[in-house]
C-alpha atoms as a PDB file:
ATOM      1  CA  MET A   1       0.004   0.051   0.214  1.00  0.00           C
ATOM      2  CA  LEU A   2       2.919   2.401   0.599  1.00  0.00           C
ATOM      3  CA  GLY A   3       3.965   1.897  -2.956  1.00  0.00           C
ATOM      4  CA  TRP A   4       0.744   2.912  -4.211  1.00  0.00           C
ATOM      5  CA  LEU A   5       0.388   5.816  -2.073  1.00  0.00           C
ATOM      6  CA  ALA A   6       3.990   6.915  -2.880  1.00  0.00           C
ATOM      7  CA  LEU A   7       3.107   6.441  -6.837  1.00  0.00           C
ATOM      8  CA  PHE A   8      -0.045   8.709  -6.485  1.00  0.00           C
ATOM      9  CA  SER A   9       1.812  11.058  -4.202  1.00  0.00           C
ATOM     10  CA  ILE A  10       4.716  11.614  -7.067  1.00  0.00           C
ATOM     11  CA  LEU A  11       2.138  12.014  -9.662  1.00  0.00           C
ATOM     12  CA  LEU A  12       0.222  14.772  -7.910  1.00  0.00           C
ATOM     13  CA  GLY A  13       3.407  16.357  -7.074  1.00  0.00           C
ATOM     14  CA  VAL A  14       4.572  16.303 -10.961  1.00  0.00           C
ATOM     15  CA  LEU A  15       1.186  17.840 -11.732  1.00  0.00           C
ATOM     16  CA  PHE A  16       1.649  20.519  -9.091  1.00  0.00           C
ATOM     17  CA  LEU A  17       5.268  21.532 -10.019  1.00  0.00           C
ATOM     18  CA  TYR A  18       3.986  21.410 -13.829  1.00  0.00           C
ATOM     19  CA  LEU A  19       1.303  23.993 -12.955  1.00  0.00           C
ATOM     20  CA  VAL A  20       3.261  25.916 -10.936  1.00  0.00           C
ATOM     21  CA  PHE A  21       6.862  26.125 -12.622  1.00  0.00           C
ATOM     22  CA  GLY A  22       6.257  24.705 -16.266  1.00  0.00           C
ATOM     23  CA  ASP A  23       4.713  26.620 -19.072  1.00  0.00           C
ATOM     24  CA  ALA A  24       1.194  25.902 -18.267  1.00  0.00           C
ATOM     25  CA  SER A  25      -0.847  27.601 -15.556  1.00  0.00           C
ATOM     26  CA  LEU A  26      -4.457  27.082 -14.253  1.00  0.00           C
ATOM     27  CA  ASP A  27      -5.397  30.135 -16.396  1.00  0.00           C
ATOM     28  CA  HIS A  28      -4.002  28.658 -19.623  1.00  0.00           C
ATOM     29  CA  THR A  29      -4.772  24.800 -19.102  1.00  0.00           C
ATOM     30  CA  ALA A  30      -8.031  23.505 -19.710  1.00  0.00           C
ATOM     31  CA  GLY A  31      -9.903  22.863 -16.482  1.00  0.00           C
ATOM     32  CA  LEU A  32     -11.610  19.739 -16.910  1.00  0.00           C
ATOM     33  CA  PRO A  33      -8.670  17.792 -17.613  1.00  0.00           C
ATOM     34  CA  VAL A  34      -6.856  18.941 -14.606  1.00  0.00           C
ATOM     35  CA  ALA A  35      -9.898  18.516 -12.338  1.00  0.00           C
ATOM     36  CA  ALA A  36     -10.221  14.782 -13.801  1.00  0.00           C
ATOM     37  CA  ALA A  37      -6.882  14.123 -12.909  1.00  0.00           C
ATOM     38  CA  VAL A  38      -6.914  15.347  -9.766  1.00  0.00           C
ATOM     39  CA  ALA A  39     -10.280  13.819  -8.787  1.00  0.00           C
ATOM     40  CA  PHE A  40      -9.106  10.421 -10.084  1.00  0.00           C
ATOM     41  CA  SER A  41      -5.967  10.577  -7.953  1.00  0.00           C
ATOM     42  CA  LEU A  42      -8.024  11.515  -4.970  1.00  0.00           C
ATOM     43  CA  VAL A  43     -10.181   8.618  -5.405  1.00  0.00           C
ATOM     44  CA  ALA A  44      -7.431   6.244  -6.157  1.00  0.00           C
ATOM     45  CA  LEU A  45      -5.588   7.292  -2.989  1.00  0.00           C
ATOM     46  CA  TYR A  46      -8.777   6.861  -0.907  1.00  0.00           C
ATOM     47  CA  ALA A  47      -9.190   3.160  -2.397  1.00  0.00           C
ATOM     48  CA  VAL A  48      -5.350   2.155  -1.454  1.00  0.00           C
ATOM     49  CA  ALA A  49      -5.931   3.882   2.306  1.00  0.00           C
ATOM     50  CA  THR A  50      -9.354   1.827   2.566  1.00  0.00           C
ATOM     51  CA  GLY A  51      -7.972  -1.269   1.110  1.00  0.00           C
ATOM     52  CA  GLY A  52     -10.239  -1.121  -1.995  1.00  0.00           C
ATOM     53  CA  LEU A  53      -7.772  -2.165  -4.335  1.00  0.00           C
ATOM     54  CA  ARG A  54      -6.829  -5.401  -2.181  1.00  0.00           C
ATOM     55  CA  GLU A  55      -7.629  -8.643  -4.193  1.00  0.00           C
ATOM     56  CA  GLY A  56     -11.601  -8.896  -4.487  1.00  0.00           C
ATOM     57  CA  GLY A  57     -12.260  -5.470  -3.591  1.00  0.00           C
ATOM     58  CA  ARG A  58     -14.880  -3.383  -5.461  1.00  0.00           C
ATOM     59  CA  LEU A  59     -12.869  -0.839  -6.716  1.00  0.00           C
ATOM     60  CA  ARG A  60     -10.387  -3.249  -7.951  1.00  0.00           C
ATOM     61  CA  ARG A  61     -12.736  -4.960 -10.081  1.00  0.00           C
ATOM     62  CA  LEU A  62     -14.291  -1.596 -11.229  1.00  0.00           C
ATOM     63  CA  LEU A  63     -10.714  -0.070 -11.825  1.00  0.00           C
ATOM     64  CA  PRO A  64     -10.647  -1.429 -15.585  1.00  0.00           C
ATOM     65  CA  SER A  65     -13.889   0.240 -16.270  1.00  0.00           C
ATOM     66  CA  ILE A  66     -13.155   3.555 -14.812  1.00  0.00           C
ATOM     67  CA  LEU A  67      -9.864   3.880 -16.632  1.00  0.00           C
ATOM     68  CA  VAL A  68     -11.691   2.960 -20.013  1.00  0.00           C
ATOM     69  CA  VAL A  69     -14.547   5.701 -19.017  1.00  0.00           C
ATOM     70  CA  CYS A  70     -11.507   8.179 -18.393  1.00  0.00           C
ATOM     71  CA  VAL A  71      -9.522   7.287 -21.651  1.00  0.00           C
ATOM     72  CA  LEU A  72     -12.582   7.595 -23.868  1.00  0.00           C
ATOM     73  CA  ALA A  73     -14.133  10.928 -22.218  1.00  0.00           C
ATOM     74  CA  ALA A  74     -10.550  12.741 -22.555  1.00  0.00           C
ATOM     75  CA  ALA A  75     -10.459  11.620 -26.212  1.00  0.00           C
ATOM     76  CA  ALA A  76     -14.036  13.004 -27.040  1.00  0.00           C
ATOM     77  CA  TYR A  77     -13.075  16.001 -25.094  1.00  0.00           C
ATOM     78  CA  TYR A  78      -9.839  16.724 -27.248  1.00  0.00           C
ATOM     79  CA  ILE A  79     -10.961  15.020 -30.292  1.00  0.00           C
ATOM     80  CA  LEU A  80     -14.708  16.117 -30.831  1.00  0.00           C
ATOM     81  CA  PRO A  81     -13.888  20.050 -30.844  1.00  0.00           C
ATOM     82  CA  ARG A  82     -11.627  19.328 -33.837  1.00  0.00           C
ATOM     83  CA  ILE A  83     -14.135  17.748 -35.939  1.00  0.00           C
ATOM     84  CA  ASP A  84     -15.793  19.948 -38.805  1.00  0.00           C
ATOM     85  CA  ILE A  85     -19.056  18.214 -39.072  1.00  0.00           C
ATOM     86  CA  THR A  86     -20.559  21.320 -41.103  1.00  0.00           C
ATOM     87  CA  PRO A  87     -20.236  19.351 -44.650  1.00  0.00           C
ATOM     88  CA  LEU A  88     -22.112  16.555 -42.733  1.00  0.00           C
ATOM     89  CA  LEU A  89     -25.198  18.868 -41.524  1.00  0.00           C
ATOM     90  CA  THR A  90     -25.587  20.507 -44.877  1.00  0.00           C
ATOM     91  CA  ARG A  91     -25.687  17.390 -46.730  1.00  0.00           C
ATOM     92  CA  MET A  92     -28.229  16.208 -44.188  1.00  0.00           C
ATOM     93  CA  ALA A  93     -30.282  19.518 -44.562  1.00  0.00           C
ATOM     94  CA  GLY A  94     -30.380  18.591 -48.221  1.00  0.00           C
ATOM     95  CA  ASN A  95     -30.281  22.486 -48.743  1.00  0.00           C
ATOM     96  CA  GLY A  96     -27.160  22.648 -51.097  1.00  0.00           C
ATOM     97  CA  ASP A  97     -27.647  23.406 -54.808  1.00  0.00           C
ATOM     98  CA  GLY A  98     -24.374  22.140 -56.087  1.00  0.00           C
ATOM     99  CA  ALA A  99     -20.652  22.416 -55.946  1.00  0.00           C
ATOM    100  CA  ASN A 100     -20.327  26.042 -56.857  1.00  0.00           C
ATOM    101  CA  GLY A 101     -24.103  26.894 -55.267  1.00  0.00           C
ATOM    102  CA  ALA A 102     -24.966  28.673 -52.055  1.00  0.00           C
ATOM    103  CA  GLU A 103     -24.887  26.151 -49.023  1.00  0.00           C
ATOM    104  CA  PRO A 104     -26.530  27.196 -45.642  1.00  0.00           C
ATOM    105  CA  VAL A 105     -23.844  27.242 -42.742  1.00  0.00           C
ATOM    106  CA  ALA A 106     -24.713  25.246 -39.788  1.00  0.00           C
ATOM    107  CA  GLY A 107     -26.138  26.951 -36.849  1.00  0.00           C
ATOM    108  CA  SER A 108     -27.076  30.072 -38.658  1.00  0.00           C
ATOM    109  CA  LEU A 109     -30.272  30.551 -41.232  1.00  0.00           C
ATOM    110  CA  LYS A 110     -28.917  33.267 -42.777  1.00  0.00           C
ATOM    111  CA  SER A 111     -25.488  32.515 -43.571  1.00  0.00           C
ATOM    112  CA  VAL A 112     -24.036  30.947 -47.023  1.00  0.00           C
ATOM    113  CA  ARG A 113     -21.038  29.339 -47.991  1.00  0.00           C
ATOM    114  CA  ILE A 114     -19.981  29.283 -51.729  1.00  0.00           C
ATOM    115  CA  ARG A 115     -17.095  27.233 -53.085  1.00  0.00           C
ATOM    116  CA  LYS A 116     -14.642  28.611 -55.672  1.00  0.00           C
ATOM    117  CA  THR A 117     -14.939  27.491 -59.266  1.00  0.00           C
ATOM    118  CA  ALA A 118     -12.129  25.883 -61.153  1.00  0.00           C
ATOM    119  CA  GLU A 119     -11.575  29.075 -62.659  1.00  0.00           C
ATOM    120  CA  GLY A 120     -10.859  31.005 -59.078  1.00  0.00           C
ATOM    121  CA  GLN A 121     -14.036  32.856 -58.950  1.00  0.00           C
ATOM    122  CA  PHE A 122     -17.048  32.804 -56.610  1.00  0.00           C
ATOM    123  CA  ILE A 123     -20.444  32.181 -58.462  1.00  0.00           C
ATOM    124  CA  ALA A 124     -23.473  32.555 -56.305  1.00  0.00           C
ATOM    125  CA  ARG A 125     -26.631  31.289 -57.343  1.00  0.00           C
ATOM    126  CA  GLY A 126     -29.902  33.188 -56.284  1.00  0.00           C
ATOM    127  CA  ASP A 127     -32.784  35.103 -57.851  1.00  0.00           C
ATOM    128  CA  ILE A 128     -34.192  38.376 -58.684  1.00  0.00           C
ATOM    129  CA  ASP A 129     -37.887  38.660 -57.471  1.00  0.00           C
ATOM    130  CA  GLY A 130     -38.084  35.071 -58.038  1.00  0.00           C
ATOM    131  CA  THR A 131     -36.273  34.670 -60.961  1.00  0.00           C
ATOM    132  CA  PRO A 132     -33.232  32.521 -60.867  1.00  0.00           C
ATOM    133  CA  MET A 133     -29.621  33.755 -62.022  1.00  0.00           C
ATOM    134  CA  ALA A 134     -26.130  33.594 -61.381  1.00  0.00           C
ATOM    135  CA  PHE A 135     -23.869  36.154 -60.136  1.00  0.00           C
ATOM    136  CA  LEU A 136     -20.086  36.823 -59.922  1.00  0.00           C
ATOM    137  CA  ILE A 137     -19.167  37.995 -56.513  1.00  0.00           C
ATOM    138  CA  ASP A 138     -17.138  40.988 -57.281  1.00  0.00           C
ATOM    139  CA  SER A 139     -16.001  43.392 -54.068  1.00  0.00           C
ATOM    140  CA  GLY A 140     -14.396  45.597 -56.679  1.00  0.00           C
ATOM    141  CA  ALA A 141     -17.766  46.552 -58.040  1.00  0.00           C
ATOM    142  CA  SER A 142     -19.487  49.240 -56.508  1.00  0.00           C
ATOM    143  CA  THR A 143     -22.860  48.128 -56.980  1.00  0.00           C
ATOM    144  CA  VAL A 144     -24.805  45.244 -58.526  1.00  0.00           C
ATOM    145  CA  ILE A 145     -24.694  44.819 -62.100  1.00  0.00           C
ATOM    146  CA  LEU A 146     -26.711  43.134 -64.351  1.00  0.00           C
ATOM    147  CA  ARG A 147     -26.766  42.022 -68.050  1.00  0.00           C
ATOM    148  CA  GLN A 148     -29.630  43.412 -69.832  1.00  0.00           C
ATOM    149  CA  SER A 149     -31.110  39.888 -71.252  1.00  0.00           C
ATOM    150  CA  ASP A 150     -31.250  38.879 -67.325  1.00  0.00           C
ATOM    151  CA  ALA A 151     -32.611  42.180 -66.043  1.00  0.00           C
ATOM    152  CA  ARG A 152     -35.593  41.664 -68.981  1.00  0.00           C
ATOM    153  CA  LYS A 153     -35.978  37.921 -67.727  1.00  0.00           C
ATOM    154  CA  ALA A 154     -36.397  39.370 -64.264  1.00  0.00           C
ATOM    155  CA  GLY A 155     -39.421  41.693 -65.155  1.00  0.00           C
ATOM    156  CA  ILE A 156     -37.452  44.893 -65.739  1.00  0.00           C
ATOM    157  CA  ASP A 157     -38.592  47.126 -68.609  1.00  0.00           C
ATOM    158  CA  THR A 158     -35.254  47.529 -70.130  1.00  0.00           C
ATOM    159  CA  ASP A 159     -36.818  49.397 -73.127  1.00  0.00           C
ATOM    160  CA  THR A 160     -37.819  52.713 -71.100  1.00  0.00           C
ATOM    161  CA  LEU A 161     -34.260  52.689 -69.160  1.00  0.00           C
ATOM    162  CA  SER A 162     -31.786  55.731 -69.523  1.00  0.00           C
ATOM    163  CA  TYR A 163     -28.228  54.261 -69.840  1.00  0.00           C
ATOM    164  CA  THR A 164     -26.317  57.520 -68.663  1.00  0.00           C
ATOM    165  CA  VAL A 165     -24.303  56.134 -65.417  1.00  0.00           C
ATOM    166  CA  PRO A 166     -20.608  55.455 -66.425  1.00  0.00           C
ATOM    167  CA  VAL A 167     -19.164  52.462 -65.229  1.00  0.00           C
ATOM    168  CA  LYS A 168     -15.964  50.318 -66.046  1.00  0.00           C
ATOM    169  CA  THR A 169     -16.187  46.693 -66.719  1.00  0.00           C
ATOM    170  CA  ALA A 170     -13.823  44.019 -68.105  1.00  0.00           C
ATOM    171  CA  ASN A 171     -14.623  45.286 -71.497  1.00  0.00           C
ATOM    172  CA  GLY A 172     -13.932  48.812 -70.714  1.00  0.00           C
ATOM    173  CA  GLU A 173     -15.876  51.895 -70.318  1.00  0.00           C
ATOM    174  CA  THR A 174     -19.598  51.670 -70.885  1.00  0.00           C
ATOM    175  CA  THR A 175     -23.025  53.520 -69.480  1.00  0.00           C
ATOM    176  CA  ALA A 176     -25.661  51.522 -67.599  1.00  0.00           C
ATOM    177  CA  ALA A 177     -29.036  52.212 -66.406  1.00  0.00           C
ATOM    178  CA  ALA A 178     -29.766  53.032 -62.677  1.00  0.00           C
ATOM    179  CA  VAL A 179     -32.578  50.605 -61.207  1.00  0.00           C
ATOM    180  CA  ARG A 180     -33.933  49.236 -57.800  1.00  0.00           C
ATOM    181  CA  LEU A 181     -34.383  45.592 -57.334  1.00  0.00           C
ATOM    182  CA  ARG A 182     -37.375  44.560 -55.158  1.00  0.00           C
ATOM    183  CA  SER A 183     -35.724  41.576 -53.932  1.00  0.00           C
ATOM    184  CA  LEU A 184     -32.326  39.858 -54.403  1.00  0.00           C
ATOM    185  CA  THR A 185     -31.608  36.349 -52.836  1.00  0.00           C
ATOM    186  CA  VAL A 186     -28.819  34.541 -52.331  1.00  0.00           C
ATOM    187  CA  GLY A 187     -29.061  31.207 -50.851  1.00  0.00           C
ATOM    188  CA  ALA A 188     -31.019  32.048 -47.377  1.00  0.00           C
ATOM    189  CA  ILE A 189     -30.201  35.790 -47.605  1.00  0.00           C
ATOM    190  CA  ARG A 190     -32.590  37.911 -48.824  1.00  0.00           C
ATOM    191  CA  MET A 191     -32.457  41.676 -49.449  1.00  0.00           C
ATOM    192  CA  GLU A 192     -35.062  44.418 -50.599  1.00  0.00           C
ATOM    193  CA  GLY A 193     -34.530  47.517 -52.399  1.00  0.00           C
ATOM    194  CA  VAL A 194     -31.227  46.871 -53.685  1.00  0.00           C
ATOM    195  CA  GLU A 195     -29.765  49.433 -56.085  1.00  0.00           C
ATOM    196  CA  ALA A 196     -28.512  48.137 -59.274  1.00  0.00           C
ATOM    197  CA  LEU A 197     -27.200  48.769 -62.652  1.00  0.00           C
ATOM    198  CA  VAL A 198     -28.300  47.276 -65.835  1.00  0.00           C
ATOM    199  CA  ALA A 199     -25.549  47.377 -68.377  1.00  0.00           C
ATOM    200  CA  GLU A 200     -25.901  47.912 -72.097  1.00  0.00           C
ATOM    201  CA  PRO A 201     -26.072  44.932 -74.425  1.00  0.00           C
ATOM    202  CA  GLY A 202     -22.866  43.315 -74.976  1.00  0.00           C
ATOM    203  CA  ASN A 203     -20.946  45.068 -72.293  1.00  0.00           C
ATOM    204  CA  LEU A 204     -21.400  42.714 -69.559  1.00  0.00           C
ATOM    205  CA  ASN A 205     -20.262  38.862 -69.479  1.00  0.00           C
ATOM    206  CA  GLU A 206     -21.817  37.795 -66.280  1.00  0.00           C
ATOM    207  CA  ASN A 207     -23.872  39.438 -63.573  1.00  0.00           C
ATOM    208  CA  LEU A 208     -21.926  40.901 -60.805  1.00  0.00           C
ATOM    209  CA  LEU A 209     -22.724  40.850 -57.090  1.00  0.00           C
ATOM    210  CA  GLY A 210     -21.380  43.985 -55.962  1.00  0.00           C
ATOM    211  CA  MET A 211     -20.938  46.368 -52.738  1.00  0.00           C
ATOM    212  CA  THR A 212     -24.858  47.459 -52.839  1.00  0.00           C
ATOM    213  CA  PHE A 213     -25.389  43.929 -51.482  1.00  0.00           C
ATOM    214  CA  LEU A 214     -22.181  43.039 -49.872  1.00  0.00           C
ATOM    215  CA  ARG A 215     -22.117  45.997 -47.777  1.00  0.00           C
ATOM    216  CA  ARG A 216     -25.434  45.303 -46.192  1.00  0.00           C
ATOM    217  CA  LEU A 217     -24.468  41.845 -44.900  1.00  0.00           C
ATOM    218  CA  ARG A 218     -22.973  41.622 -41.589  1.00  0.00           C
ATOM    219  CA  SER A 219     -19.760  40.216 -42.784  1.00  0.00           C
ATOM    220  CA  TYR A 220     -18.486  38.214 -45.856  1.00  0.00           C
ATOM    221  CA  GLU A 221     -14.865  36.232 -45.799  1.00  0.00           C
ATOM    222  CA  ILE A 222     -13.029  33.988 -47.806  1.00  0.00           C
ATOM    223  CA  SER A 223     -11.223  31.200 -46.175  1.00  0.00           C
ATOM    224  CA  GLY A 224      -9.475  28.897 -48.667  1.00  0.00           C
ATOM    225  CA  ASP A 225     -11.972  27.710 -51.083  1.00  0.00           C
ATOM    226  CA  PHE A 226     -14.844  29.219 -49.708  1.00  0.00           C
ATOM    227  CA  ILE A 227     -16.306  32.604 -49.250  1.00  0.00           C
ATOM    228  CA  THR A 228     -18.895  32.735 -46.394  1.00  0.00           C
ATOM    229  CA  LEU A 229     -21.774  35.551 -46.533  1.00  0.00           C
ATOM    230  CA  ARG A 230     -23.378  36.528 -43.336  1.00  0.00           C
ATOM    231  CA  GLU A 231     -26.340  38.771 -43.054  1.00  0.00           C
END
């Protein structure tokens, strides 16, 4: 029994020295593992002192089970927080619309995550007033800009527009017409009264999701191959 007492005393002493003189401290060490280690050591000391570890003792029979539970709990404590289950939750929800579509972010009803295309662009699939269309996310564009053909599909009367607003696109300088969209939706994010421009025919290759939409978000961030939009 003295041997067991000496062993547990040494273990507690090492833990104490580590916390006091080592790189760790109670302020920077996870409280649950430290508390579990101390509690287990105290239980073991009590078992040794009362003879619970003698041949046939109840604690002696339960000790393997206690050790297994402690190991599993420690593994779960350190491993589970490091597992990203967001893709699994997204698939279970069944709300994704393809590799480059807008996927809802787990835990938030108004956040979407969009994967980068093979060309290195972020293409968001959404709709304007219920009309589906795709947008190239472009934080360098000061406003949402629509191709005239897509604007017409969304119910905008392009024949009565005044193309007087100067804009710069990948095809050079051109003019566009100012409009206000009743609603613009990307995934779970829906905004109303979004200022936009309609480009003249042939002057825009794709619709641009610019700052009149992005600046109304709570945040947007790029991480790896994904951009996350949060309202």
